[in-house]
Each structure stands twice: as structure tokens, then as C-alpha cells.
Amino acid sequence: MRKKTILLFAKNKSVLVFLESFFRRSKKYRSLNCNSAGVLLDHLSKSAASAIITENELLPLVAIRTIEIPVITFVAGDRKKGIEASIDYRADLYIQKPFLDKDLDHKLQMTIGLKEAISALKQEIHYLQTVNDFTQLISSLLDPQELLQRIVTKIAEIIPVTRCSIIRIDGLHNYAHVVASFETPDLIAIKLSLKKYPEIEEALLNRKPVIIKDVVSDPRMKSVRDLIAPLGIRSILVMPIIFQKKVIGTLFLRTSRLRHEFSENEIQLLKTISDASANTLHNAFLFSQVEDEKMRLEKLAITDYLTGIYNIRYFHQRIIEEFSRSERYALPISCLMIDIDFFKKINDSYGHKIGDAALKEFAQLLKRRVRASDVLARYGGEEFIVMLPQTPVDGAIAEAERLRSAIKNRKFKSLKNQIGITVSVGISTFPNARIKTHDDLISVADDALYEAKKSGRDRVIVFD
């Protein structure tokens, strides 16, 4: 059993002799001698002392009213004055002559036990208040994402952690999705491979909390220790969230404090929060999944199925907006129509599967090369279109030539570097007498492309 630390602040010789003898024989306590009030207070700030033993003459120096640990005083001089001083300075207990081991031992047990009971009671009250706060929080918020974020924030306020997240587990338990994070609130919907989180895998497998007291020495973390080391993580707690006998997610906490390990009270508190929140978290997770699916469907609706860039439907939506803005504020706008030269030859020579692979690679090359403000889309077949907002004809020519050169100098892996690809580019720019609408801007670029192909391909032609 670990000995409890008792701070001694005494100068009376008979008291010191008795205390030295008592602590030498004691198996429950160890003493730290303090020769001044300053040293005593310094020890209090650095160590977890269980009690203070002093003399009634020294009580004014100890400032008992500011200390929240038990104080026992020895009345070594005048008995009446000593007892009055002990009462006036609110000492917990006092000892009179003759000094007896059993008397001191009994009073240490009484004071320390009482303080520990009071501390436990305060902790229990705090625990119940926290659970009540969470219950009110869960019932008062309607926005699922706000609820998840408030939960991790509240936990981080109660328990000293550097990281606290709620993780949603997918049906196959291969991946997890961060749906709320205390340390980085803006980063959500992050996908995690559970192979890099053995502690989460264990919590899912056993459906019980997983406590890693020391990442460095715990054998369960051996495979990922090098990944975690730079983060300064010391202890980890994973609390599974179980709804209708199924693990739907986890509370994932980490701390980098050198001495801090998750206590039994903290673990129990988190389990209570997890159990109390399971139904609400289940609904929030469903909402999160629906939102993810909604985003995925929205992306599919504006994405070309083969190349992964925007489709012509989205392009038309954007060019209507930008052309209207150009008309209203007298701003230039240009359009590039790009066609792969002799693409039919690729399909005929290598097959449509290779041709599709070449189109994907070509589209991704364009996507990396166009400017952030430009809008790239697949127009159809091997034709692609780029809208260049606020770009006059000179800028459009420079952009088109840059793209044409990059494509011509690229060795396409999908074609096994056997042949190169060139493109023909047609350019239209508003304002122009021929262009009255956004459709005109597209059709005029298409006319210029026709001229580029007609005049020999692998070139850029501006409509005039």
C-alpha cells in the first residue's frame, strides 16, 4: 500500500522527537519536514499531501483558512491557550500531552478519512451535475451536428484531454468517420482506416472501454507507435457507443499530460454519457450519413461519370451566371472548346477500354492545369470546354497555348507512351458583335474549333 504523505511544520523539541519516532515506525504514512511556512506552502503546491501536522504557536504562519487539507495541531505549551488557538485557526483536530502513537494514528485516520469522504461526495455531486447537464444539452439541441460538437467540447471541459472526438463506425468496421472533434471543430467527415487505430478496433471487437495508460509501453500500440510518437500522445481512452446491442461509434479521447491517466471516475462518467447519449447519437449519426449521401449525390449530379470532372449540365448553369455578370459589369469572358485530335484512331487501335482510360488521364491533366477560377467540363465524347471568367482574348490565347503545349509534351501512361496526343482549340470572347447570349459564346467557340481542325489540327484558333 502506498504511504500517505504528511507535511510537518514544528519546532518544539518534544513534538519533533515524538513525530520522528512515530513516522519511523509507521507503515501507512511518510513525513516531509518543513522548516518554514514558505517551504510548507511550496510543498503543498508540488505534492499531494494528505494532512499537515503543526503546533498551535505556528498556526498563524500556516494560514489554515486557505488550506483545504486536514490540519492537526500539537498543544505542547499552555493547554488552554493551545486549545483556543487550535479552535480559532480552524484546525481539524488537536493533540495534548501525553503524546501517544495510537492517538495520532486515530486522528490521522479520522481527518484524512473525513476529507476523502467529503471529496468523494463533492465529486459525486459534480458527476451527477455533469450527467444532468448532458441530459439537458441532448434534449435542448435540434441540430445534430451542433449537438455532436457541443458534446466533445463539454467533455474536454470536464476531463483534461488534448484530443476528444466522436467517431462514427461504418457497417463493416473497416473505416471510421470523424463527425465531431474538440481540437479541430472545422474538420469533420474525415475518413479513418481502422488499421491505424488498434485501440478502436479492440473497443469494437470487445464492446468494452479500452484504456491505454502509456502509448510507449503498451504492446497493443506497437504497430502504430512511430505514427503517434510525434503527436506527444501519452494516454488514450476509447469508449464504445452502443445502441440496441450494436456499436455505432466511439468517444475517442487522448491526453498528452505526462502524469495523467484516465481515472475510474472519468471512465465511469464517460460510460454514463455514452449510454445516456446513445439514442441521440444514433439519430445524429443517421443524419450525418444522410448528409454525406446527399453530398455524394449532389456531386454525382454535376460530375461526368467517366472523367470525374464537371458535366455539361453544371457547365451550362455556371456559364449562365458568369455571362450575366459579364454583361452587367462590362467584364470580358472567354470560352475554350478543346478536341482531342484523331481520337477515333486511339479507339480503333487500342480499343474503347484504353480510349476511356486515356480520356480520364487527359481530363485530370486539364483539371490540374486550368486556373482555380476557370470552369472545366466534358462537353461530349472527346470534346472538353473551359470557361474563363474575366479573361480577355489575349489571356484566353495564352491559356489555350499553355494547355496545348502541356498536352503535346505529356506521355500518357494509359497509352503506354506509344503515341502522343495533340489537341485543337477554338476560342470565343465576349464582348463580340456575334455573341449575344451564353449559347452564342459556346457555339462561336465551337465554330473556331472547327476552323482549327480544318486548318490542320494541333493549333489554337480565335473566332474573328
Protein backbone atom coordinates (compact mmCIF):
# COMPACT_ATOMS: atom_id res chain seq x y z
CA MET A 1 0.00 0.00 0.00
CA ARG A 2 1.31 3.42 -0.95
CA LYS A 3 2.12 5.58 2.09
CA LYS A 4 0.25 8.86 2.52
CA THR A 5 2.38 12.00 2.72
CA ILE A 6 2.13 14.14 5.88
CA LEU A 7 3.73 17.60 5.99
CA LEU A 8 5.39 18.52 9.32
CA PHE A 9 5.82 22.12 10.47
CA ALA A 10 7.00 22.05 14.09
CA LYS A 11 9.82 23.49 16.20
CA ASN A 12 9.10 22.20 19.71
CA LYS A 13 11.77 19.62 20.56
CA SER A 14 9.45 17.19 22.36
CA VAL A 15 6.97 17.31 19.46
CA LEU A 16 9.71 16.74 16.88
CA VAL A 17 11.16 13.78 18.82
CA PHE A 18 7.71 12.17 19.10
CA LEU A 19 6.90 12.72 15.39
CA GLU A 20 10.24 11.38 14.23
CA SER A 21 9.68 8.21 16.24
CA PHE A 22 6.10 7.84 15.05
CA PHE A 23 6.83 8.14 11.32
CA ARG A 24 9.89 5.92 11.57
CA ARG A 25 7.64 3.08 12.73
CA SER A 26 4.58 3.89 10.62
CA LYS A 27 3.66 1.68 7.67
CA LYS A 28 0.85 3.95 6.50
CA TYR A 29 2.44 7.40 6.48
CA ARG A 30 5.62 9.16 5.45
CA SER A 31 6.64 12.66 6.53
CA LEU A 32 8.11 15.71 4.83
CA ASN A 33 9.71 18.19 7.25
CA CYS A 34 9.18 21.92 6.59
CA ASN A 35 11.32 24.45 8.49
CA SER A 36 9.24 27.49 7.45
CA ALA A 37 5.75 28.44 6.29
CA GLY A 38 7.18 29.21 2.83
CA VAL A 39 8.62 25.70 2.49
CA LEU A 40 5.30 24.25 3.68
CA LEU A 41 3.30 26.14 1.07
CA ASP A 42 5.84 25.20 -1.60
CA HIS A 43 5.40 21.50 -0.76
CA LEU A 44 1.62 21.94 -0.88
CA SER A 45 1.82 23.29 -4.41
CA LYS A 46 4.09 20.48 -5.63
CA SER A 47 2.97 17.34 -3.82
CA ALA A 48 -0.31 15.62 -2.98
CA ALA A 49 -0.12 15.79 0.82
CA SER A 50 -2.82 14.08 2.88
CA ALA A 51 -2.51 16.20 6.04
CA ILE A 52 -0.45 18.83 7.91
CA ILE A 53 0.85 18.44 11.45
CA THR A 54 1.95 21.61 13.23
CA GLU A 55 1.98 23.34 16.64
CA ASN A 56 -0.59 25.78 17.94
CA GLU A 57 2.10 28.53 18.20
CA LEU A 58 2.79 28.21 14.46
CA LEU A 59 -0.83 28.19 13.30
CA PRO A 60 -0.87 31.94 12.37
CA LEU A 61 2.03 31.33 9.97
CA VAL A 62 0.34 28.40 8.24
CA ALA A 63 -2.77 30.40 7.19
CA ILE A 64 -5.06 27.43 7.84
CA ARG A 65 -8.10 29.09 6.32
CA THR A 66 -6.55 28.95 2.83
CA ILE A 67 -5.58 25.28 3.02
CA GLU A 68 -8.07 22.58 2.04
CA ILE A 69 -6.30 19.57 3.54
CA PRO A 70 -6.63 18.31 7.17
CA VAL A 71 -4.60 20.08 9.87
CA ILE A 72 -3.71 18.53 13.25
CA THR A 73 -2.08 20.69 15.91
CA PHE A 74 0.07 19.67 18.88
CA VAL A 75 -0.56 21.54 22.12
CA ALA A 76 2.90 21.48 23.64
CA GLY A 77 2.74 24.56 25.93
CA ASP A 78 -0.13 26.14 27.81
CA ARG A 79 -3.09 23.77 27.42
CA LYS A 80 -5.87 26.43 27.48
CA LYS A 81 -4.16 28.78 25.02
CA GLY A 82 -3.23 25.89 22.76
CA ILE A 83 -6.79 24.59 22.50
CA GLU A 84 -8.17 28.11 21.95
CA ALA A 85 -5.61 28.74 19.20
CA SER A 86 -6.48 25.45 17.52
CA ILE A 87 -10.16 26.39 17.53
CA ASP A 88 -9.59 30.00 16.43
CA TYR A 89 -7.44 28.96 13.44
CA ARG A 90 -9.84 26.15 12.49
CA ALA A 91 -7.55 23.20 12.92
CA ASP A 92 -9.39 19.95 12.34
CA LEU A 93 -8.09 18.20 15.49
CA TYR A 94 -5.58 18.80 18.26
CA ILE A 95 -3.40 16.52 20.40
CA GLN A 96 -2.44 17.12 24.03
CA LYS A 97 0.20 15.61 26.25
CA PRO A 98 0.95 12.87 26.79
CA PHE A 99 1.61 12.29 23.07
CA LEU A 100 0.58 8.78 22.08
CA ASP A 101 1.08 6.87 18.83
CA LYS A 102 -2.44 5.46 18.89
CA ASP A 103 -3.91 8.92 19.47
CA LEU A 104 -2.08 10.44 16.47
CA ASP A 105 -2.81 7.43 14.28
CA HIS A 106 -6.50 7.53 15.16
CA LYS A 107 -6.78 11.26 14.48
CA LEU A 108 -4.93 10.99 11.17
CA GLN A 109 -7.36 8.28 10.09
CA MET A 110 -10.32 10.39 11.19
CA THR A 111 -9.28 13.61 9.47
CA ILE A 112 -7.97 12.05 6.27
CA GLY A 113 -10.95 9.70 6.02
CA LEU A 114 -13.38 12.56 6.57
CA LYS A 115 -11.70 14.76 3.97
CA GLU A 116 -11.61 11.89 1.49
CA ALA A 117 -15.30 11.21 2.10
CA ILE A 118 -16.14 14.89 1.58
CA SER A 119 -14.00 14.95 -1.58
CA ALA A 120 -15.74 11.83 -2.89
CA LEU A 121 -19.13 13.37 -2.11
CA LYS A 122 -18.21 16.57 -3.96
CA GLN A 123 -17.01 14.50 -6.88
CA GLU A 124 -20.24 12.51 -6.88
CA ILE A 125 -22.28 15.74 -6.84
CA HIS A 126 -20.16 17.09 -9.69
CA TYR A 127 -20.61 13.79 -11.53
CA LEU A 128 -24.41 13.93 -11.19
CA GLN A 129 -24.47 17.59 -12.20
CA THR A 130 -22.42 16.78 -15.28
CA VAL A 131 -24.75 13.96 -16.30
CA ASN A 132 -27.71 16.29 -15.73
CA ASP A 133 -26.05 18.97 -17.89
CA PHE A 134 -25.55 16.44 -20.68
CA THR A 135 -29.17 15.29 -20.43
CA GLN A 136 -30.38 18.87 -20.75
CA LEU A 137 -27.92 19.51 -23.58
CA ILE A 138 -29.13 16.47 -25.52
CA SER A 139 -32.80 17.38 -25.10
CA SER A 140 -32.37 21.08 -25.95
CA LEU A 141 -30.48 20.95 -29.26
CA LEU A 142 -32.16 20.10 -32.54
CA ASP A 143 -29.19 20.47 -34.90
CA PRO A 144 -27.40 17.06 -34.85
CA GLN A 145 -24.01 18.48 -35.87
CA GLU A 146 -24.15 21.20 -33.22
CA LEU A 147 -25.10 18.57 -30.64
CA LEU A 148 -22.10 16.37 -31.51
CA GLN A 149 -19.75 19.35 -31.35
CA ARG A 150 -21.15 20.52 -28.02
CA ILE A 151 -20.72 17.04 -26.53
CA VAL A 152 -17.00 16.83 -27.34
CA THR A 153 -16.49 20.41 -26.17
CA LYS A 154 -18.24 19.68 -22.87
CA ILE A 155 -16.23 16.51 -22.29
CA ALA A 156 -12.99 18.40 -22.94
CA GLU A 157 -14.04 20.99 -20.35
CA ILE A 158 -14.59 18.31 -17.69
CA ILE A 159 -11.70 15.94 -18.42
CA PRO A 160 -8.20 17.31 -19.14
CA VAL A 161 -7.54 16.00 -22.66
CA THR A 162 -5.71 17.37 -25.67
CA ARG A 163 -7.90 15.48 -28.14
CA CYS A 164 -11.53 14.46 -27.99
CA SER A 165 -13.59 13.19 -30.92
CA ILE A 166 -16.79 11.34 -31.69
CA ILE A 167 -16.29 8.73 -34.38
CA ARG A 168 -18.98 7.04 -36.44
CA ILE A 169 -18.23 3.45 -37.39
CA ASP A 170 -19.24 2.10 -40.80
CA GLY A 171 -21.17 -1.15 -41.10
CA LEU A 172 -18.14 -3.29 -41.97
CA HIS A 173 -15.93 -1.88 -39.17
CA ASN A 174 -13.16 -1.19 -41.70
CA TYR A 175 -13.37 2.58 -41.58
CA ALA A 176 -14.44 5.28 -39.18
CA HIS A 177 -15.65 8.81 -39.83
CA VAL A 178 -14.85 11.72 -37.51
CA VAL A 179 -18.17 13.50 -37.03
CA ALA A 180 -17.09 15.92 -34.28
CA SER A 181 -13.70 17.00 -32.95
CA PHE A 182 -12.89 19.22 -29.99
CA GLU A 183 -9.37 20.17 -31.08
CA THR A 184 -10.29 20.96 -34.71
CA PRO A 185 -14.04 21.78 -34.86
CA ASP A 186 -13.96 22.62 -38.58
CA LEU A 187 -12.52 19.24 -39.56
CA ILE A 188 -15.37 16.76 -39.83
CA ALA A 189 -16.28 13.88 -42.15
CA ILE A 190 -12.67 12.70 -42.06
CA LYS A 191 -12.33 9.05 -43.02
CA LEU A 192 -10.00 6.93 -40.88
CA SER A 193 -8.62 3.50 -41.65
CA LEU A 194 -9.09 1.41 -38.50
CA LYS A 195 -5.89 -0.49 -39.28
CA LYS A 196 -4.07 2.57 -37.95
CA TYR A 197 -6.16 2.61 -34.74
CA PRO A 198 -5.76 -0.76 -32.96
CA GLU A 199 -7.29 0.67 -29.80
CA ILE A 200 -10.54 1.46 -31.64
CA GLU A 201 -10.56 -1.97 -33.27
CA GLU A 202 -10.26 -3.58 -29.84
CA ALA A 203 -13.14 -1.49 -28.45
CA LEU A 204 -15.32 -2.56 -31.38
CA LEU A 205 -14.35 -6.22 -31.01
CA ASN A 206 -14.86 -6.49 -27.25
CA ARG A 207 -17.59 -3.82 -26.93
CA LYS A 208 -15.82 -2.53 -23.83
CA PRO A 209 -13.78 0.59 -22.99
CA VAL A 210 -10.12 0.44 -23.97
CA ILE A 211 -7.62 2.27 -21.77
CA ILE A 212 -4.06 2.77 -22.96
CA LYS A 213 -2.19 4.12 -19.93
CA ASP A 214 1.12 4.59 -21.72
CA VAL A 215 1.37 4.56 -25.52
CA VAL A 216 5.12 3.98 -25.36
CA SER A 217 5.00 0.78 -23.31
CA ASP A 218 1.60 -0.72 -24.22
CA PRO A 219 2.14 -3.68 -26.61
CA ARG A 220 -1.22 -3.03 -28.31
CA MET A 221 0.18 0.19 -29.80
CA LYS A 222 3.41 -1.33 -31.14
CA SER A 223 2.33 -1.25 -34.80
CA VAL A 224 1.46 2.47 -34.74
CA ARG A 225 3.86 3.76 -32.09
CA ASP A 226 6.05 5.56 -34.63
CA LEU A 227 2.99 7.34 -36.06
CA ILE A 228 1.77 8.51 -32.66
CA ALA A 229 5.15 9.49 -31.15
CA PRO A 230 5.41 12.90 -32.93
CA LEU A 231 1.96 13.86 -31.59
CA GLY A 232 3.07 13.68 -27.95
CA ILE A 233 0.17 11.38 -27.04
CA ARG A 234 0.55 9.66 -23.67
CA SER A 235 -2.77 8.05 -22.70
CA ILE A 236 -5.76 7.01 -24.80
CA LEU A 237 -9.32 6.11 -23.88
CA VAL A 238 -11.84 4.66 -26.33
CA MET A 239 -15.43 4.40 -25.09
CA PRO A 240 -17.77 2.44 -27.40
CA ILE A 241 -21.23 3.91 -28.03
CA ILE A 242 -23.72 1.04 -28.06
CA PHE A 243 -27.25 1.35 -29.40
CA GLN A 244 -29.56 -1.68 -29.40
CA LYS A 245 -26.61 -4.01 -28.74
CA LYS A 246 -24.69 -2.63 -31.71
CA VAL A 247 -21.55 -0.49 -31.59
CA ILE A 248 -22.42 2.59 -33.65
CA GLY A 249 -19.44 4.74 -32.73
CA THR A 250 -16.90 5.68 -30.09
CA LEU A 251 -15.81 8.52 -27.90
CA PHE A 252 -12.12 8.78 -28.63
CA LEU A 253 -10.02 10.71 -26.12
CA ARG A 254 -6.30 11.25 -25.90
CA THR A 255 -4.13 13.08 -23.41
CA SER A 256 -0.51 14.11 -23.61
CA ARG A 257 -0.10 15.02 -19.92
CA LEU A 258 2.89 13.17 -18.53
CA ARG A 259 1.27 12.07 -15.25
CA HIS A 260 -2.36 11.92 -16.23
CA GLU A 261 -4.11 8.61 -16.66
CA PHE A 262 -7.85 8.27 -17.02
CA SER A 263 -9.31 7.61 -13.57
CA GLU A 264 -12.08 5.18 -12.75
CA ASN A 265 -14.42 8.11 -12.10
CA GLU A 266 -13.63 9.63 -15.51
CA ILE A 267 -14.19 6.30 -17.24
CA GLN A 268 -17.50 5.78 -15.43
CA LEU A 269 -18.59 9.33 -16.25
CA LEU A 270 -17.87 8.81 -19.94
CA LYS A 271 -19.71 5.49 -19.92
CA THR A 272 -22.75 7.18 -18.40
CA ILE A 273 -22.56 9.96 -21.02
CA SER A 274 -22.17 7.36 -23.76
CA ASP A 275 -25.18 5.35 -22.53
CA ALA A 276 -27.33 8.42 -21.99
CA SER A 277 -26.45 9.82 -25.41
CA ALA A 278 -26.67 6.59 -27.42
CA ASN A 279 -30.15 7.15 -28.82
CA THR A 280 -29.49 10.78 -29.69
CA LEU A 281 -26.07 9.97 -31.12
CA HIS A 282 -27.65 7.22 -33.21
CA ASN A 283 -30.03 9.76 -34.71
CA ALA A 284 -27.18 12.23 -35.20
CA PHE A 285 -25.11 9.56 -36.93
CA LEU A 286 -28.04 8.75 -39.23
CA PHE A 287 -28.35 12.45 -40.04
CA SER A 288 -24.61 12.60 -40.71
CA GLN A 289 -24.84 9.61 -43.03
CA VAL A 290 -27.78 11.15 -44.86
CA GLU A 291 -25.85 14.41 -45.26
CA ASP A 292 -22.82 12.51 -46.59
CA GLU A 293 -25.04 10.66 -49.05
CA LYS A 294 -26.72 13.90 -50.05
CA MET A 295 -23.34 15.49 -50.74
CA ARG A 296 -22.29 12.42 -52.71
CA LEU A 297 -25.45 12.52 -54.85
CA GLU A 298 -25.08 16.27 -55.39
CA LYS A 299 -21.53 15.70 -56.55
CA LEU A 300 -22.64 12.88 -58.85
CA ALA A 301 -25.31 15.14 -60.35
CA ILE A 302 -22.71 17.63 -61.58
CA THR A 303 -19.87 15.20 -62.35
CA ASP A 304 -19.13 13.38 -65.58
CA TYR A 305 -19.29 9.66 -64.81
CA LEU A 306 -16.19 8.73 -66.83
CA THR A 307 -13.67 11.53 -66.32
CA GLY A 308 -14.62 12.80 -62.84
CA ILE A 309 -14.72 16.46 -63.94
CA TYR A 310 -17.84 18.65 -64.24
CA ASN A 311 -20.53 17.61 -66.71
CA ILE A 312 -22.13 19.88 -69.33
CA ARG A 313 -25.21 20.38 -67.16
CA TYR A 314 -23.20 22.06 -64.43
CA PHE A 315 -21.18 23.98 -67.03
CA HIS A 316 -24.37 25.48 -68.51
CA GLN A 317 -25.51 26.53 -65.04
CA ARG A 318 -22.22 28.31 -64.37
CA ILE A 319 -21.85 29.96 -67.78
CA ILE A 320 -25.34 31.47 -67.48
CA GLU A 321 -24.31 33.08 -64.17
CA GLU A 322 -20.93 34.30 -65.39
CA PHE A 323 -22.20 35.60 -68.74
CA SER A 324 -24.93 37.57 -66.95
CA ARG A 325 -22.28 39.07 -64.65
CA SER A 326 -20.09 39.98 -67.64
CA GLU A 327 -22.99 41.78 -69.32
CA ARG A 328 -23.97 43.64 -66.16
CA TYR A 329 -20.49 44.90 -65.29
CA ALA A 330 -18.94 45.03 -68.78
CA LEU A 331 -16.40 42.33 -67.99
CA PRO A 332 -14.74 40.10 -70.60
CA ILE A 333 -15.40 36.36 -70.60
CA SER A 334 -13.81 33.70 -72.81
CA CYS A 335 -14.51 30.10 -73.71
CA LEU A 336 -12.17 27.35 -74.92
CA MET A 337 -13.51 24.38 -76.87
CA ILE A 338 -10.91 21.58 -76.85
CA ASP A 339 -10.98 18.47 -79.02
CA ILE A 340 -8.51 15.56 -78.98
CA ASP A 341 -7.07 15.12 -82.47
CA PHE A 342 -7.71 11.77 -84.17
CA PHE A 343 -9.16 10.22 -81.04
CA LYS A 344 -11.05 7.68 -83.17
CA LYS A 345 -7.67 6.26 -84.16
CA ILE A 346 -6.92 5.53 -80.48
CA ASN A 347 -10.21 3.67 -80.03
CA ASP A 348 -9.72 1.73 -83.27
CA SER A 349 -6.10 0.82 -82.49
CA TYR A 350 -6.31 0.05 -78.78
CA GLY A 351 -9.97 -0.48 -78.04
CA HIS A 352 -12.55 1.57 -76.17
CA LYS A 353 -11.26 0.49 -72.74
CA ILE A 354 -7.87 2.06 -73.43
CA GLY A 355 -9.64 5.01 -75.04
CA ASP A 356 -11.68 5.59 -71.84
CA ALA A 357 -8.52 5.38 -69.73
CA ALA A 358 -6.86 7.95 -71.99
CA LEU A 359 -9.88 10.27 -71.62
CA LYS A 360 -9.67 10.02 -67.81
CA GLU A 361 -5.96 10.79 -67.81
CA PHE A 362 -6.49 13.66 -70.27
CA ALA A 363 -9.29 15.15 -68.16
CA GLN A 364 -7.20 15.01 -64.96
CA LEU A 365 -4.30 16.68 -66.77
CA LEU A 366 -6.62 19.52 -67.82
CA LYS A 367 -8.05 19.74 -64.30
CA ARG A 368 -4.58 20.23 -62.80
CA ARG A 369 -3.59 22.79 -65.43
CA VAL A 370 -6.61 25.11 -65.56
CA ARG A 371 -6.79 28.04 -63.19
CA ALA A 372 -8.83 27.87 -59.97
CA SER A 373 -11.28 30.47 -61.33
CA ASP A 374 -11.87 28.57 -64.59
CA VAL A 375 -14.65 26.02 -65.07
CA LEU A 376 -13.71 22.81 -66.89
CA ALA A 377 -16.28 20.29 -68.13
CA ARG A 378 -16.60 17.41 -70.55
CA TYR A 379 -18.68 18.64 -73.48
CA GLY A 380 -19.21 15.22 -75.02
CA GLY A 381 -17.12 12.37 -76.46
CA GLU A 382 -13.55 13.63 -76.72
CA GLU A 383 -14.53 17.33 -76.55
CA PHE A 384 -13.93 19.44 -73.46
CA ILE A 385 -14.88 23.01 -72.67
CA VAL A 386 -13.32 25.62 -70.38
CA MET A 387 -14.94 28.88 -69.27
CA LEU A 388 -12.54 31.69 -68.35
CA PRO A 389 -14.34 34.42 -66.38
CA GLN A 390 -12.98 37.99 -66.59
CA THR A 391 -10.48 36.93 -69.25
CA PRO A 392 -9.94 38.94 -72.49
CA VAL A 393 -8.85 37.37 -75.76
CA ASP A 394 -5.09 37.74 -75.12
CA GLY A 395 -5.37 35.92 -71.80
CA ALA A 396 -7.50 33.19 -73.38
CA ILE A 397 -4.92 32.64 -76.15
CA ALA A 398 -2.10 32.38 -73.60
CA GLU A 399 -4.11 29.89 -71.53
CA ALA A 400 -5.04 27.81 -74.58
CA GLU A 401 -1.44 27.64 -75.83
CA ARG A 402 -0.23 26.65 -72.38
CA LEU A 403 -2.71 23.77 -72.26
CA ARG A 404 -1.98 22.68 -75.83
CA SER A 405 1.77 22.59 -75.14
CA ALA A 406 1.35 20.67 -71.86
CA ILE A 407 -0.79 18.03 -73.56
CA LYS A 408 1.54 17.66 -76.52
CA ASN A 409 4.55 17.12 -74.26
CA ARG A 410 2.78 14.66 -71.98
CA LYS A 411 3.46 10.92 -72.29
CA PHE A 412 0.16 9.28 -71.44
CA LYS A 413 0.56 6.19 -69.24
CA SER A 414 -2.75 4.78 -70.41
CA LEU A 415 -1.33 4.57 -73.95
CA LYS A 416 1.93 3.04 -72.65
CA ASN A 417 3.83 6.01 -74.12
CA GLN A 418 3.36 4.59 -77.62
CA ILE A 419 1.74 7.64 -79.16
CA GLY A 420 1.35 11.26 -78.18
CA ILE A 421 -1.85 13.30 -78.04
CA THR A 422 -2.44 16.69 -79.59
CA VAL A 423 -5.48 18.94 -79.36
CA SER A 424 -7.23 21.57 -81.40
CA VAL A 425 -8.63 24.56 -79.52
CA GLY A 426 -11.28 27.11 -80.53
CA ILE A 427 -11.60 30.38 -78.61
CA SER A 428 -14.53 32.79 -78.28
CA THR A 429 -14.50 36.01 -76.26
CA PHE A 430 -17.25 38.39 -75.19
CA PRO A 431 -17.80 41.25 -75.97
CA ASN A 432 -18.16 40.42 -79.66
CA ALA A 433 -20.77 41.55 -82.19
CA ARG A 434 -21.67 37.93 -82.96
CA ILE A 435 -22.14 36.96 -79.30
CA LYS A 436 -25.42 38.00 -77.68
CA THR A 437 -26.02 35.12 -75.23
CA HIS A 438 -24.13 32.46 -73.35
CA ASP A 439 -25.18 29.94 -76.01
CA ASP A 440 -23.54 32.14 -78.61
CA LEU A 441 -20.33 32.10 -76.59
CA ILE A 442 -20.30 28.28 -76.74
CA SER A 443 -21.34 27.95 -80.40
CA VAL A 444 -18.78 30.55 -81.56
CA ALA A 445 -16.01 28.64 -79.71
CA ASP A 446 -17.25 25.50 -81.46
CA ASP A 447 -17.00 27.29 -84.83
CA ALA A 448 -13.43 28.32 -84.03
CA LEU A 449 -12.62 24.71 -83.10
CA TYR A 450 -13.95 23.57 -86.46
CA GLU A 451 -11.58 26.01 -88.17
CA ALA A 452 -8.65 24.71 -86.07
CA LYS A 453 -9.33 21.12 -87.14
CA LYS A 454 -9.99 22.15 -90.75
CA SER A 455 -6.70 24.04 -90.97
CA GLY A 456 -4.51 21.15 -89.82
CA ARG A 457 -5.22 20.43 -86.10
CA ASP A 458 -2.77 20.82 -83.17
CA ARG A 459 -3.39 24.54 -83.04
CA VAL A 460 -5.37 27.35 -81.42
CA ILE A 461 -7.82 29.41 -83.46
CA VAL A 462 -9.62 32.53 -82.21
CA PHE A 463 -13.05 33.29 -83.66
CA ASP A 464 -12.96 36.51 -85.73
